[in-house]
Amino acid sequence: MLDAHTVQLRAGDQTVRIIGPAQQTLRRLREHPDSTTSPEAEAESDAEDETDDGAPPADRAIRVRARRQLAAVLLDGLPRPAALLAEQLTDLHLGLLLLRDDHPVDRGDLAAGYPAAAVGLTRAAAVRRACLRQNSEAAVVCAAPTPDAWPADTVPTPDAAAPRHLQAAPPQEPVDIQVIFAQRAVAPAHLTAAASRAQLVLPVVQHSAHWQIGPLLSRDHGPCPRCLLLHGTAVDPHFAAVQTALAEQGAAQDQITDRPVPSDEPQSAAVLASLLAREIQLAVDGEFTPQTASRMIGLSLRTGELSLVPVTPHSECDCRLHTATAR
């Protein structure tokens, strides 16, 4: 305020003077502070809109969109939460979404939430159809059965003459993220095989009363499958054999047609799918670190309560050397 009748805004070439009752003018300006924003404040506001690497929001959006269009995600095993996850990932417009589960849709799947129209299809085919109904332009492919179970001389190859929607993806095709759904446990050999084809591996295991999500395994930054094996072996020398046996029991249980479905499983499936979709989106976009990069998330089937368990690379694992070299 220069005097009782003059208020000056800014300085230099951008000076603005308002003639009138100064006190009333100041009171009105305080009620509408946006009109008094200084060039310095505007610059600070613009800086806040930029990302940590200095890229403006428009460039960041282009970068994220490009990463999604180049990303390939494989869902290995398709219980009901995985089916819901596939539908959510369809909205991300990924470059390729692969679905692997040749188990026929049965009464247990219907009780868990699969539609009745899916009877007679494999889980992969049923989920793919649901995704394409949601977005007919989405790149969703039924992947071939896991090559770990194939004899060396009977590995199937894609039929080039078959229609696009019936072709299976090459079994050894590398992917960015492989999400493994299992009951009771994931065999260490399965995790190792997945890590040889995928940059990131996310195990999702269903136990009797809770789901265990993660950790997100990475060969480059850890923790990796060998880290989990070393951590487990330090507690139980028979860790690998126990996990393999539990994984086989879980797979056998999944084949039972009349398996019971807990009454709270359909509700927890939606929550689990949303958690996983967020983790995968963060991993693909590369802007922020997923929660599962350094911990396991537990989701209670009965209460919906979340728990976090830290997981670190093992001190004797090679992935620590890779991390140190990358830095």
C-alpha atoms as a PDB file:
ATOM      1  CA  MET A   1       0.000   0.000   0.000  1.00  0.00           C
ATOM      2  CA  LEU A   2       1.641   3.224  -1.180  1.00  0.00           C
ATOM      3  CA  ASP A   3      -0.882   5.552   0.426  1.00  0.00           C
ATOM      4  CA  ALA A   4      -4.539   5.651   1.475  1.00  0.00           C
ATOM      5  CA  HIS A   5      -5.676   5.618  -2.178  1.00  0.00           C
ATOM      6  CA  THR A   6      -3.035   3.450  -3.977  1.00  0.00           C
ATOM      7  CA  VAL A   7      -2.093  -0.224  -3.867  1.00  0.00           C
ATOM      8  CA  GLN A   8       0.883  -1.500  -5.881  1.00  0.00           C
ATOM      9  CA  LEU A   9       1.253  -5.111  -7.050  1.00  0.00           C
ATOM     10  CA  ARG A  10       4.584  -6.587  -8.208  1.00  0.00           C
ATOM     11  CA  ALA A  11       7.583  -4.506  -9.263  1.00  0.00           C
ATOM     12  CA  GLY A  12       9.602  -3.475 -12.269  1.00  0.00           C
ATOM     13  CA  ASP A  13       8.083  -3.952 -15.692  1.00  0.00           C
ATOM     14  CA  GLN A  14       5.159  -5.917 -14.233  1.00  0.00           C
ATOM     15  CA  THR A  15       4.127  -3.200 -11.765  1.00  0.00           C
ATOM     16  CA  VAL A  16       0.368  -2.719 -11.410  1.00  0.00           C
ATOM     17  CA  ARG A  17      -1.169   0.094  -9.350  1.00  0.00           C
ATOM     18  CA  ILE A  18      -4.785   0.060  -8.214  1.00  0.00           C
ATOM     19  CA  ILE A  19      -6.328   3.452  -7.477  1.00  0.00           C
ATOM     20  CA  GLY A  20      -9.111   3.562  -4.873  1.00  0.00           C
ATOM     21  CA  PRO A  21      -9.688   3.060  -1.163  1.00  0.00           C
ATOM     22  CA  ALA A  22      -6.547   1.145  -0.275  1.00  0.00           C
ATOM     23  CA  GLN A  23      -7.917  -0.675   2.762  1.00  0.00           C
ATOM     24  CA  GLN A  24     -10.967  -1.983   0.897  1.00  0.00           C
ATOM     25  CA  THR A  25      -8.801  -2.978  -2.056  1.00  0.00           C
ATOM     26  CA  LEU A  26      -6.460  -4.993   0.154  1.00  0.00           C
ATOM     27  CA  ARG A  27      -9.403  -6.692   1.851  1.00  0.00           C
ATOM     28  CA  ARG A  28     -10.834  -7.784  -1.507  1.00  0.00           C
ATOM     29  CA  LEU A  29      -7.440  -9.013  -2.696  1.00  0.00           C
ATOM     30  CA  ARG A  30      -7.058 -11.145   0.419  1.00  0.00           C
ATOM     31  CA  GLU A  31     -10.467 -12.701  -0.322  1.00  0.00           C
ATOM     32  CA  HIS A  32      -9.202 -13.586  -3.841  1.00  0.00           C
ATOM     33  CA  PRO A  33      -5.519 -14.407  -3.366  1.00  0.00           C
ATOM     34  CA  ASP A  34      -5.115 -15.917  -6.839  1.00  0.00           C
ATOM     35  CA  SER A  35      -5.192 -12.428  -8.344  1.00  0.00           C
ATOM     36  CA  THR A  36      -2.072 -11.376  -6.420  1.00  0.00           C
ATOM     37  CA  THR A  37       0.155 -14.292  -7.349  1.00  0.00           C
ATOM     38  CA  SER A  38       3.672 -13.063  -7.949  1.00  0.00           C
ATOM     39  CA  PRO A  39       5.928 -14.298 -10.762  1.00  0.00           C
ATOM     40  CA  GLU A  40       8.074 -16.052  -8.166  1.00  0.00           C
ATOM     41  CA  ALA A  41       5.053 -17.894  -6.768  1.00  0.00           C
ATOM     42  CA  GLU A  42       3.969 -18.853 -10.270  1.00  0.00           C
ATOM     43  CA  ALA A  43       7.430 -20.264 -10.960  1.00  0.00           C
ATOM     44  CA  GLU A  44       7.322 -22.262  -7.746  1.00  0.00           C
ATOM     45  CA  SER A  45       3.899 -23.609  -8.667  1.00  0.00           C
ATOM     46  CA  ASP A  46       5.161 -24.659 -12.097  1.00  0.00           C
ATOM     47  CA  ALA A  47       8.142 -26.390 -10.482  1.00  0.00           C
ATOM     48  CA  GLU A  48       5.845 -28.351  -8.199  1.00  0.00           C
ATOM     49  CA  ASP A  49       3.987 -29.672 -11.253  1.00  0.00           C
ATOM     50  CA  GLU A  50       7.187 -31.206 -12.611  1.00  0.00           C
ATOM     51  CA  THR A  51       8.403 -34.651 -11.679  1.00  0.00           C
ATOM     52  CA  ASP A  52      11.581 -35.353  -9.752  1.00  0.00           C
ATOM     53  CA  ASP A  53      13.593 -35.701 -12.965  1.00  0.00           C
ATOM     54  CA  GLY A  54      12.454 -32.279 -14.196  1.00  0.00           C
ATOM     55  CA  ALA A  55       9.994 -33.537 -16.801  1.00  0.00           C
ATOM     56  CA  PRO A  56       6.753 -31.562 -17.132  1.00  0.00           C
ATOM     57  CA  PRO A  57       3.440 -33.407 -16.671  1.00  0.00           C
ATOM     58  CA  ALA A  58       2.871 -33.740 -20.433  1.00  0.00           C
ATOM     59  CA  ASP A  59       6.224 -35.457 -20.972  1.00  0.00           C
ATOM     60  CA  ARG A  60       5.598 -37.707 -17.990  1.00  0.00           C
ATOM     61  CA  ALA A  61       2.238 -38.782 -19.411  1.00  0.00           C
ATOM     62  CA  ILE A  62       3.834 -39.620 -22.765  1.00  0.00           C
ATOM     63  CA  ARG A  63       6.572 -41.619 -21.048  1.00  0.00           C
ATOM     64  CA  VAL A  64       4.094 -43.609 -18.964  1.00  0.00           C
ATOM     65  CA  ARG A  65       1.893 -44.297 -21.973  1.00  0.00           C
ATOM     66  CA  ALA A  66       4.879 -45.567 -23.948  1.00  0.00           C
ATOM     67  CA  ARG A  67       5.945 -47.888 -21.137  1.00  0.00           C
ATOM     68  CA  ARG A  68       2.482 -49.378 -20.913  1.00  0.00           C
ATOM     69  CA  GLN A  69       2.263 -49.900 -24.663  1.00  0.00           C
ATOM     70  CA  LEU A  70       5.587 -51.764 -24.614  1.00  0.00           C
ATOM     71  CA  ALA A  71       4.863 -53.839 -21.498  1.00  0.00           C
ATOM     72  CA  ALA A  72       4.043 -57.548 -21.551  1.00  0.00           C
ATOM     73  CA  VAL A  73       2.423 -59.032 -18.434  1.00  0.00           C
ATOM     74  CA  LEU A  74       1.781 -62.743 -17.896  1.00  0.00           C
ATOM     75  CA  LEU A  75      -0.836 -63.973 -15.415  1.00  0.00           C
ATOM     76  CA  ASP A  76       0.167 -67.544 -14.583  1.00  0.00           C
ATOM     77  CA  GLY A  77      -2.848 -69.244 -13.007  1.00  0.00           C
ATOM     78  CA  LEU A  78      -6.315 -67.730 -13.083  1.00  0.00           C
ATOM     79  CA  PRO A  79      -8.329 -68.090  -9.905  1.00  0.00           C
ATOM     80  CA  ARG A  80     -11.113 -65.550  -9.542  1.00  0.00           C
ATOM     81  CA  PRO A  81      -8.845 -62.713  -8.249  1.00  0.00           C
ATOM     82  CA  ALA A  82      -6.606 -63.163 -11.280  1.00  0.00           C
ATOM     83  CA  ALA A  83      -9.624 -62.978 -13.592  1.00  0.00           C
ATOM     84  CA  LEU A  84     -10.652 -59.671 -12.020  1.00  0.00           C
ATOM     85  CA  LEU A  85      -7.044 -58.474 -12.226  1.00  0.00           C
ATOM     86  CA  ALA A  86      -6.940 -59.231 -15.953  1.00  0.00           C
ATOM     87  CA  GLU A  87     -10.026 -57.085 -16.515  1.00  0.00           C
ATOM     88  CA  GLN A  88      -8.449 -54.193 -14.595  1.00  0.00           C
ATOM     89  CA  LEU A  89      -5.176 -54.508 -16.500  1.00  0.00           C
ATOM     90  CA  THR A  90      -7.126 -54.307 -19.746  1.00  0.00           C
ATOM     91  CA  ASP A  91      -7.930 -50.701 -18.862  1.00  0.00           C
ATOM     92  CA  LEU A  92      -4.187 -49.903 -18.685  1.00  0.00           C
ATOM     93  CA  HIS A  93      -3.845 -50.552 -22.442  1.00  0.00           C
ATOM     94  CA  LEU A  94      -0.785 -52.762 -22.038  1.00  0.00           C
ATOM     95  CA  GLY A  95       1.201 -53.886 -25.039  1.00  0.00           C
ATOM     96  CA  LEU A  96       0.380 -57.534 -24.331  1.00  0.00           C
ATOM     97  CA  LEU A  97      -1.522 -59.380 -21.633  1.00  0.00           C
ATOM     98  CA  LEU A  98      -0.886 -63.126 -21.561  1.00  0.00           C
ATOM     99  CA  LEU A  99      -3.149 -65.565 -19.703  1.00  0.00           C
ATOM    100  CA  ARG A 100      -2.018 -69.044 -18.705  1.00  0.00           C
ATOM    101  CA  ASP A 101      -4.408 -71.573 -17.164  1.00  0.00           C
ATOM    102  CA  ASP A 102      -5.753 -74.546 -19.120  1.00  0.00           C
ATOM    103  CA  HIS A 103      -7.933 -75.772 -16.248  1.00  0.00           C
ATOM    104  CA  PRO A 104     -11.593 -76.057 -17.411  1.00  0.00           C
ATOM    105  CA  VAL A 105     -14.042 -73.786 -15.627  1.00  0.00           C
ATOM    106  CA  ASP A 106     -15.845 -75.978 -13.088  1.00  0.00           C
ATOM    107  CA  ARG A 107     -18.434 -75.658 -10.325  1.00  0.00           C
ATOM    108  CA  GLY A 108     -15.832 -74.393  -7.898  1.00  0.00           C
ATOM    109  CA  ASP A 109     -14.994 -71.552 -10.289  1.00  0.00           C
ATOM    110  CA  LEU A 110     -18.681 -70.704 -10.670  1.00  0.00           C
ATOM    111  CA  ALA A 111     -19.042 -70.527  -6.898  1.00  0.00           C
ATOM    112  CA  ALA A 112     -16.004 -68.219  -6.778  1.00  0.00           C
ATOM    113  CA  GLY A 113     -17.533 -65.827  -9.306  1.00  0.00           C
ATOM    114  CA  TYR A 114     -16.843 -67.085 -12.836  1.00  0.00           C
ATOM    115  CA  PRO A 115     -19.926 -66.595 -15.071  1.00  0.00           C
ATOM    116  CA  ALA A 116     -22.036 -69.613 -15.961  1.00  0.00           C
ATOM    117  CA  ALA A 117     -21.435 -68.908 -19.658  1.00  0.00           C
ATOM    118  CA  ALA A 118     -17.761 -69.810 -19.115  1.00  0.00           C
ATOM    119  CA  VAL A 119     -18.532 -73.490 -18.520  1.00  0.00           C
ATOM    120  CA  GLY A 120     -16.859 -75.563 -21.224  1.00  0.00           C
ATOM    121  CA  LEU A 121     -13.990 -73.099 -21.659  1.00  0.00           C
ATOM    122  CA  THR A 122     -10.600 -73.081 -20.043  1.00  0.00           C
ATOM    123  CA  ARG A 123     -10.041 -70.370 -17.465  1.00  0.00           C
ATOM    124  CA  ALA A 124      -7.664 -68.589 -19.837  1.00  0.00           C
ATOM    125  CA  ALA A 125     -10.197 -68.573 -22.672  1.00  0.00           C
ATOM    126  CA  ALA A 126     -12.995 -67.419 -20.366  1.00  0.00           C
ATOM    127  CA  VAL A 127     -10.949 -64.558 -18.943  1.00  0.00           C
ATOM    128  CA  ARG A 128      -9.740 -63.543 -22.389  1.00  0.00           C
ATOM    129  CA  ARG A 129     -13.329 -63.350 -23.619  1.00  0.00           C
ATOM    130  CA  ALA A 130     -14.292 -61.161 -20.665  1.00  0.00           C
ATOM    131  CA  CYS A 131     -11.346 -58.827 -21.336  1.00  0.00           C
ATOM    132  CA  LEU A 132     -12.195 -58.476 -25.025  1.00  0.00           C
ATOM    133  CA  ARG A 133     -15.816 -57.708 -24.181  1.00  0.00           C
ATOM    134  CA  GLN A 134     -14.477 -54.877 -22.074  1.00  0.00           C
ATOM    135  CA  ASN A 135     -12.072 -53.663 -24.776  1.00  0.00           C
ATOM    136  CA  SER A 136     -12.223 -55.368 -28.152  1.00  0.00           C
ATOM    137  CA  GLU A 137      -8.930 -53.762 -29.224  1.00  0.00           C
ATOM    138  CA  ALA A 138      -6.922 -55.080 -26.269  1.00  0.00           C
ATOM    139  CA  ALA A 139      -3.995 -57.407 -26.968  1.00  0.00           C
ATOM    140  CA  VAL A 140      -4.962 -60.390 -24.794  1.00  0.00           C
ATOM    141  CA  VAL A 141      -3.519 -63.811 -25.655  1.00  0.00           C
ATOM    142  CA  CYS A 142      -3.919 -67.275 -24.142  1.00  0.00           C
ATOM    143  CA  ALA A 143      -0.371 -68.427 -23.436  1.00  0.00           C
ATOM    144  CA  ALA A 144       0.742 -72.009 -23.901  1.00  0.00           C
ATOM    145  CA  PRO A 145       0.994 -74.256 -20.815  1.00  0.00           C
ATOM    146  CA  THR A 146       4.124 -73.734 -18.787  1.00  0.00           C
ATOM    147  CA  PRO A 147       7.107 -75.349 -20.571  1.00  0.00           C
ATOM    148  CA  ASP A 148       8.452 -76.574 -17.221  1.00  0.00           C
ATOM    149  CA  ALA A 149       5.935 -79.451 -17.424  1.00  0.00           C
ATOM    150  CA  TRP A 150       6.659 -80.424 -21.033  1.00  0.00           C
ATOM    151  CA  PRO A 151       9.032 -83.227 -22.016  1.00  0.00           C
ATOM    152  CA  ALA A 152      11.877 -81.946 -24.161  1.00  0.00           C
ATOM    153  CA  ASP A 153      10.572 -83.649 -27.306  1.00  0.00           C
ATOM    154  CA  THR A 154       6.914 -82.614 -26.913  1.00  0.00           C
ATOM    155  CA  VAL A 155       7.106 -78.849 -26.514  1.00  0.00           C
ATOM    156  CA  PRO A 156       4.210 -77.491 -28.596  1.00  0.00           C
ATOM    157  CA  THR A 157       4.732 -74.679 -31.059  1.00  0.00           C
ATOM    158  CA  PRO A 158       2.207 -72.025 -32.137  1.00  0.00           C
ATOM    159  CA  ASP A 159       0.149 -72.825 -35.203  1.00  0.00           C
ATOM    160  CA  ALA A 160       0.891 -70.063 -37.686  1.00  0.00           C
ATOM    161  CA  ALA A 161      -2.164 -70.996 -39.733  1.00  0.00           C
ATOM    162  CA  ALA A 162      -4.556 -70.692 -36.815  1.00  0.00           C
ATOM    163  CA  PRO A 163      -6.637 -67.536 -36.350  1.00  0.00           C
ATOM    164  CA  ARG A 164      -5.001 -64.849 -34.215  1.00  0.00           C
ATOM    165  CA  HIS A 165      -7.382 -65.345 -31.299  1.00  0.00           C
ATOM    166  CA  LEU A 166      -6.604 -69.092 -31.179  1.00  0.00           C
ATOM    167  CA  GLN A 167      -2.818 -68.838 -31.386  1.00  0.00           C
ATOM    168  CA  ALA A 168      -0.820 -69.495 -28.240  1.00  0.00           C
ATOM    169  CA  ALA A 169       2.093 -67.270 -27.349  1.00  0.00           C
ATOM    170  CA  PRO A 170       5.563 -68.821 -27.703  1.00  0.00           C
ATOM    171  CA  PRO A 171       6.328 -70.643 -24.446  1.00  0.00           C
ATOM    172  CA  GLN A 172       9.725 -69.020 -23.943  1.00  0.00           C
ATOM    173  CA  GLU A 173       8.631 -65.507 -24.881  1.00  0.00           C
ATOM    174  CA  PRO A 174      10.144 -63.049 -22.384  1.00  0.00           C
ATOM    175  CA  VAL A 175       7.776 -60.837 -20.445  1.00  0.00           C
ATOM    176  CA  ASP A 176       8.214 -57.817 -18.228  1.00  0.00           C
ATOM    177  CA  ILE A 177       6.163 -59.090 -15.286  1.00  0.00           C
ATOM    178  CA  GLN A 178       4.969 -62.599 -14.508  1.00  0.00           C
ATOM    179  CA  VAL A 179       2.351 -62.904 -11.768  1.00  0.00           C
ATOM    180  CA  ILE A 180       2.154 -66.452 -10.380  1.00  0.00           C
ATOM    181  CA  PHE A 181      -1.042 -67.451  -8.580  1.00  0.00           C
ATOM    182  CA  ALA A 182      -0.808 -70.569  -6.446  1.00  0.00           C
ATOM    183  CA  GLN A 183      -2.282 -72.312  -3.444  1.00  0.00           C
ATOM    184  CA  ARG A 184      -0.181 -73.023  -0.354  1.00  0.00           C
ATOM    185  CA  ALA A 185       3.202 -72.269  -1.996  1.00  0.00           C
ATOM    186  CA  VAL A 186       5.143 -71.676  -5.196  1.00  0.00           C
ATOM    187  CA  ALA A 187       7.906 -74.186  -5.839  1.00  0.00           C
ATOM    188  CA  PRO A 188      11.394 -72.594  -5.860  1.00  0.00           C
ATOM    189  CA  ALA A 189      12.082 -74.205  -9.251  1.00  0.00           C
ATOM    190  CA  HIS A 190       8.972 -72.510 -10.657  1.00  0.00           C
ATOM    191  CA  LEU A 191      10.139 -69.119  -9.377  1.00  0.00           C
ATOM    192  CA  THR A 192      13.609 -69.648 -10.846  1.00  0.00           C
ATOM    193  CA  ALA A 193      12.200 -70.683 -14.224  1.00  0.00           C
ATOM    194  CA  ALA A 194       9.903 -67.651 -14.262  1.00  0.00           C
ATOM    195  CA  ALA A 195      12.781 -65.314 -13.389  1.00  0.00           C
ATOM    196  CA  SER A 196      14.721 -66.637 -16.384  1.00  0.00           C
ATOM    197  CA  ARG A 197      11.967 -65.332 -18.700  1.00  0.00           C
ATOM    198  CA  ALA A 198      10.560 -62.324 -16.850  1.00  0.00           C
ATOM    199  CA  GLN A 199      12.253 -59.181 -15.595  1.00  0.00           C
ATOM    200  CA  LEU A 200       9.991 -59.185 -12.538  1.00  0.00           C
ATOM    201  CA  VAL A 201       8.155 -62.066 -10.867  1.00  0.00           C
ATOM    202  CA  LEU A 202       5.318 -61.516  -8.396  1.00  0.00           C
ATOM    203  CA  PRO A 203       4.141 -64.626  -6.481  1.00  0.00           C
ATOM    204  CA  VAL A 204       0.604 -64.516  -5.073  1.00  0.00           C
ATOM    205  CA  VAL A 205      -0.179 -67.413  -2.748  1.00  0.00           C
ATOM    206  CA  GLN A 206      -3.523 -68.348  -1.217  1.00  0.00           C
ATOM    207  CA  HIS A 207      -3.404 -69.872   2.254  1.00  0.00           C
ATOM    208  CA  SER A 208      -6.303 -71.103   4.352  1.00  0.00           C
ATOM    209  CA  ALA A 209      -7.029 -67.733   5.950  1.00  0.00           C
ATOM    210  CA  HIS A 210      -5.068 -65.154   3.978  1.00  0.00           C
ATOM    211  CA  TRP A 211      -3.413 -64.202   0.705  1.00  0.00           C
ATOM    212  CA  GLN A 212       0.327 -63.555   0.572  1.00  0.00           C
ATOM    213  CA  ILE A 213       1.423 -61.054  -2.085  1.00  0.00           C
ATOM    214  CA  GLY A 214       5.055 -60.745  -3.073  1.00  0.00           C
ATOM    215  CA  PRO A 215       7.795 -59.967  -2.743  1.00  0.00           C
ATOM    216  CA  LEU A 216       8.362 -58.607  -6.236  1.00  0.00           C
ATOM    217  CA  LEU A 217      11.383 -60.620  -7.366  1.00  0.00           C
ATOM    218  CA  SER A 218      14.052 -59.074  -9.592  1.00  0.00           C
ATOM    219  CA  ARG A 219      17.313 -60.543 -10.853  1.00  0.00           C
ATOM    220  CA  ASP A 220      18.842 -57.089 -11.209  1.00  0.00           C
ATOM    221  CA  HIS A 221      17.924 -55.406  -7.950  1.00  0.00           C
ATOM    222  CA  GLY A 222      16.741 -58.200  -5.673  1.00  0.00           C
ATOM    223  CA  PRO A 223      15.316 -59.779  -3.798  1.00  0.00           C
ATOM    224  CA  CYS A 224      15.395 -62.639  -6.286  1.00  0.00           C
ATOM    225  CA  PRO A 225      14.212 -66.278  -6.121  1.00  0.00           C
ATOM    226  CA  ARG A 226      17.591 -67.374  -4.774  1.00  0.00           C
ATOM    227  CA  CYS A 227      17.293 -64.796  -1.984  1.00  0.00           C
ATOM    228  CA  LEU A 228      14.054 -66.404  -0.861  1.00  0.00           C
ATOM    229  CA  LEU A 229      15.664 -69.845  -1.022  1.00  0.00           C
ATOM    230  CA  LEU A 230      18.653 -68.718   1.044  1.00  0.00           C
ATOM    231  CA  HIS A 231      16.452 -66.969   3.609  1.00  0.00           C
ATOM    232  CA  GLY A 232      14.219 -70.028   3.886  1.00  0.00           C
ATOM    233  CA  THR A 233      17.082 -72.506   4.075  1.00  0.00           C
ATOM    234  CA  ALA A 234      18.627 -70.538   6.923  1.00  0.00           C
ATOM    235  CA  VAL A 235      15.474 -71.266   8.950  1.00  0.00           C
ATOM    236  CA  ASP A 236      14.717 -74.772   7.614  1.00  0.00           C
ATOM    237  CA  PRO A 237      17.336 -76.863   5.766  1.00  0.00           C
ATOM    238  CA  HIS A 238      14.485 -78.650   3.961  1.00  0.00           C
ATOM    239  CA  PHE A 239      12.828 -75.411   2.851  1.00  0.00           C
ATOM    240  CA  ALA A 240      12.991 -76.150  -0.902  1.00  0.00           C
ATOM    241  CA  ALA A 241      11.525 -79.652  -0.530  1.00  0.00           C
ATOM    242  CA  VAL A 242       8.767 -78.428   1.768  1.00  0.00           C
ATOM    243  CA  GLN A 243       7.782 -75.598  -0.573  1.00  0.00           C
ATOM    244  CA  THR A 244       7.748 -77.948  -3.546  1.00  0.00           C
ATOM    245  CA  ALA A 245       5.536 -80.425  -1.699  1.00  0.00           C
ATOM    246  CA  LEU A 246       3.141 -77.677  -0.613  1.00  0.00           C
ATOM    247  CA  ALA A 247       2.958 -76.373  -4.186  1.00  0.00           C
ATOM    248  CA  GLU A 248       2.090 -79.861  -5.476  1.00  0.00           C
ATOM    249  CA  GLN A 249      -0.615 -80.253  -2.839  1.00  0.00           C
ATOM    250  CA  GLY A 250      -2.036 -76.851  -3.752  1.00  0.00           C
ATOM    251  CA  ALA A 251      -2.092 -77.714  -7.448  1.00  0.00           C
ATOM    252  CA  ALA A 252      -3.863 -81.011  -6.698  1.00  0.00           C
ATOM    253  CA  GLN A 253      -6.395 -79.207  -4.541  1.00  0.00           C
ATOM    254  CA  ASP A 254      -7.102 -76.772  -7.368  1.00  0.00           C
ATOM    255  CA  GLN A 255      -8.024 -79.678  -9.654  1.00  0.00           C
ATOM    256  CA  ILE A 256     -10.857 -80.827  -7.357  1.00  0.00           C
ATOM    257  CA  THR A 257     -14.158 -79.985  -9.049  1.00  0.00           C
ATOM    258  CA  ASP A 258     -16.242 -79.710  -5.891  1.00  0.00           C
ATOM    259  CA  ARG A 259     -13.683 -77.831  -3.804  1.00  0.00           C
ATOM    260  CA  PRO A 260     -15.351 -75.643  -1.160  1.00  0.00           C
ATOM    261  CA  VAL A 261     -15.250 -71.882  -1.620  1.00  0.00           C
ATOM    262  CA  PRO A 262     -15.193 -69.745   1.555  1.00  0.00           C
ATOM    263  CA  SER A 263     -18.148 -67.383   1.793  1.00  0.00           C
ATOM    264  CA  ASP A 264     -15.846 -64.357   2.084  1.00  0.00           C
ATOM    265  CA  GLU A 265     -13.624 -65.258  -0.881  1.00  0.00           C
ATOM    266  CA  PRO A 266     -15.641 -63.384  -3.577  1.00  0.00           C
ATOM    267  CA  GLN A 267     -15.335 -60.144  -1.584  1.00  0.00           C
ATOM    268  CA  SER A 268     -11.636 -60.579  -0.887  1.00  0.00           C
ATOM    269  CA  ALA A 269     -11.037 -61.379  -4.567  1.00  0.00           C
ATOM    270  CA  ALA A 270     -12.001 -57.852  -5.600  1.00  0.00           C
ATOM    271  CA  VAL A 271      -9.759 -56.301  -2.952  1.00  0.00           C
ATOM    272  CA  LEU A 272      -6.845 -58.517  -3.924  1.00  0.00           C
ATOM    273  CA  ALA A 273      -7.268 -57.736  -7.624  1.00  0.00           C
ATOM    274  CA  SER A 274      -7.187 -53.993  -6.923  1.00  0.00           C
ATOM    275  CA  LEU A 275      -4.043 -54.306  -4.802  1.00  0.00           C
ATOM    276  CA  LEU A 276      -2.300 -56.303  -7.515  1.00  0.00           C
ATOM    277  CA  ALA A 277      -3.403 -53.965 -10.295  1.00  0.00           C
ATOM    278  CA  ARG A 278      -1.869 -51.057  -8.392  1.00  0.00           C
ATOM    279  CA  GLU A 279       1.400 -52.915  -7.831  1.00  0.00           C
ATOM    280  CA  ILE A 280       1.659 -53.886 -11.503  1.00  0.00           C
ATOM    281  CA  GLN A 281       0.816 -50.374 -12.648  1.00  0.00           C
ATOM    282  CA  LEU A 282       3.564 -48.918 -10.452  1.00  0.00           C
ATOM    283  CA  ALA A 283       6.076 -51.466 -11.730  1.00  0.00           C
ATOM    284  CA  VAL A 284       5.188 -50.817 -15.377  1.00  0.00           C
ATOM    285  CA  ASP A 285       5.032 -47.025 -15.152  1.00  0.00           C
ATOM    286  CA  GLY A 286       8.371 -46.812 -13.348  1.00  0.00           C
ATOM    287  CA  GLU A 287       7.480 -43.542 -11.610  1.00  0.00           C
ATOM    288  CA  PHE A 288       7.164 -44.863  -8.069  1.00  0.00           C
ATOM    289  CA  THR A 289       8.356 -47.983  -6.237  1.00  0.00           C
ATOM    290  CA  PRO A 290       5.779 -50.739  -5.649  1.00  0.00           C
ATOM    291  CA  GLN A 291       5.130 -51.779  -2.054  1.00  0.00           C
ATOM    292  CA  THR A 292       6.114 -55.362  -2.866  1.00  0.00           C
ATOM    293  CA  ALA A 293       9.594 -54.361  -4.043  1.00  0.00           C
ATOM    294  CA  SER A 294      10.836 -54.739  -0.470  1.00  0.00           C
ATOM    295  CA  ARG A 295       8.063 -56.477   1.450  1.00  0.00           C
ATOM    296  CA  MET A 296       5.290 -59.046   1.394  1.00  0.00           C
ATOM    297  CA  ILE A 297       1.670 -57.940   1.780  1.00  0.00           C
ATOM    298  CA  GLY A 298      -0.734 -60.160   3.676  1.00  0.00           C
ATOM    299  CA  LEU A 299      -4.485 -59.869   3.123  1.00  0.00           C
ATOM    300  CA  SER A 300      -6.791 -61.585   5.622  1.00  0.00           C
ATOM    301  CA  LEU A 301      -9.694 -63.385   3.960  1.00  0.00           C
ATOM    302  CA  ARG A 302     -11.984 -62.859   6.946  1.00  0.00           C
ATOM    303  CA  THR A 303     -11.242 -59.310   8.102  1.00  0.00           C
ATOM    304  CA  GLY A 304      -9.561 -57.700   5.097  1.00  0.00           C
ATOM    305  CA  GLU A 305      -6.718 -56.590   7.369  1.00  0.00           C
ATOM    306  CA  LEU A 306      -3.393 -55.883   5.660  1.00  0.00           C
ATOM    307  CA  SER A 307       0.003 -56.793   7.075  1.00  0.00           C
ATOM    308  CA  LEU A 308       3.508 -55.968   5.817  1.00  0.00           C
ATOM    309  CA  VAL A 309       6.608 -58.152   6.200  1.00  0.00           C
ATOM    310  CA  PRO A 310       9.966 -56.683   5.058  1.00  0.00           C
ATOM    311  CA  VAL A 311      12.039 -58.786   2.655  1.00  0.00           C
ATOM    312  CA  THR A 312      15.618 -57.889   1.734  1.00  0.00           C
ATOM    313  CA  PRO A 313      18.169 -59.372  -0.671  1.00  0.00           C
ATOM    314  CA  HIS A 314      20.253 -62.096   0.954  1.00  0.00           C
ATOM    315  CA  SER A 315      23.808 -61.105   1.800  1.00  0.00           C
ATOM    316  CA  GLU A 316      25.210 -64.170   0.002  1.00  0.00           C
ATOM    317  CA  CYS A 317      23.115 -63.861  -3.156  1.00  0.00           C
ATOM    318  CA  ASP A 318      24.551 -62.817  -6.509  1.00  0.00           C
ATOM    319  CA  CYS A 319      21.813 -60.244  -7.075  1.00  0.00           C
ATOM    320  CA  ARG A 320      23.567 -57.957  -4.566  1.00  0.00           C
ATOM    321  CA  LEU A 321      26.588 -57.931  -6.847  1.00  0.00           C
ATOM    322  CA  HIS A 322      24.364 -57.000  -9.806  1.00  0.00           C
ATOM    323  CA  THR A 323      22.855 -54.143  -7.812  1.00  0.00           C
ATOM    324  CA  ALA A 324      26.252 -52.833  -6.776  1.00  0.00           C
ATOM    325  CA  THR A 325      27.503 -53.007 -10.373  1.00  0.00           C
ATOM    326  CA  ALA A 326      24.411 -51.189 -11.686  1.00  0.00           C
ATOM    327  CA  ARG A 327      24.975 -48.357  -9.224  1.00  0.00           C
END
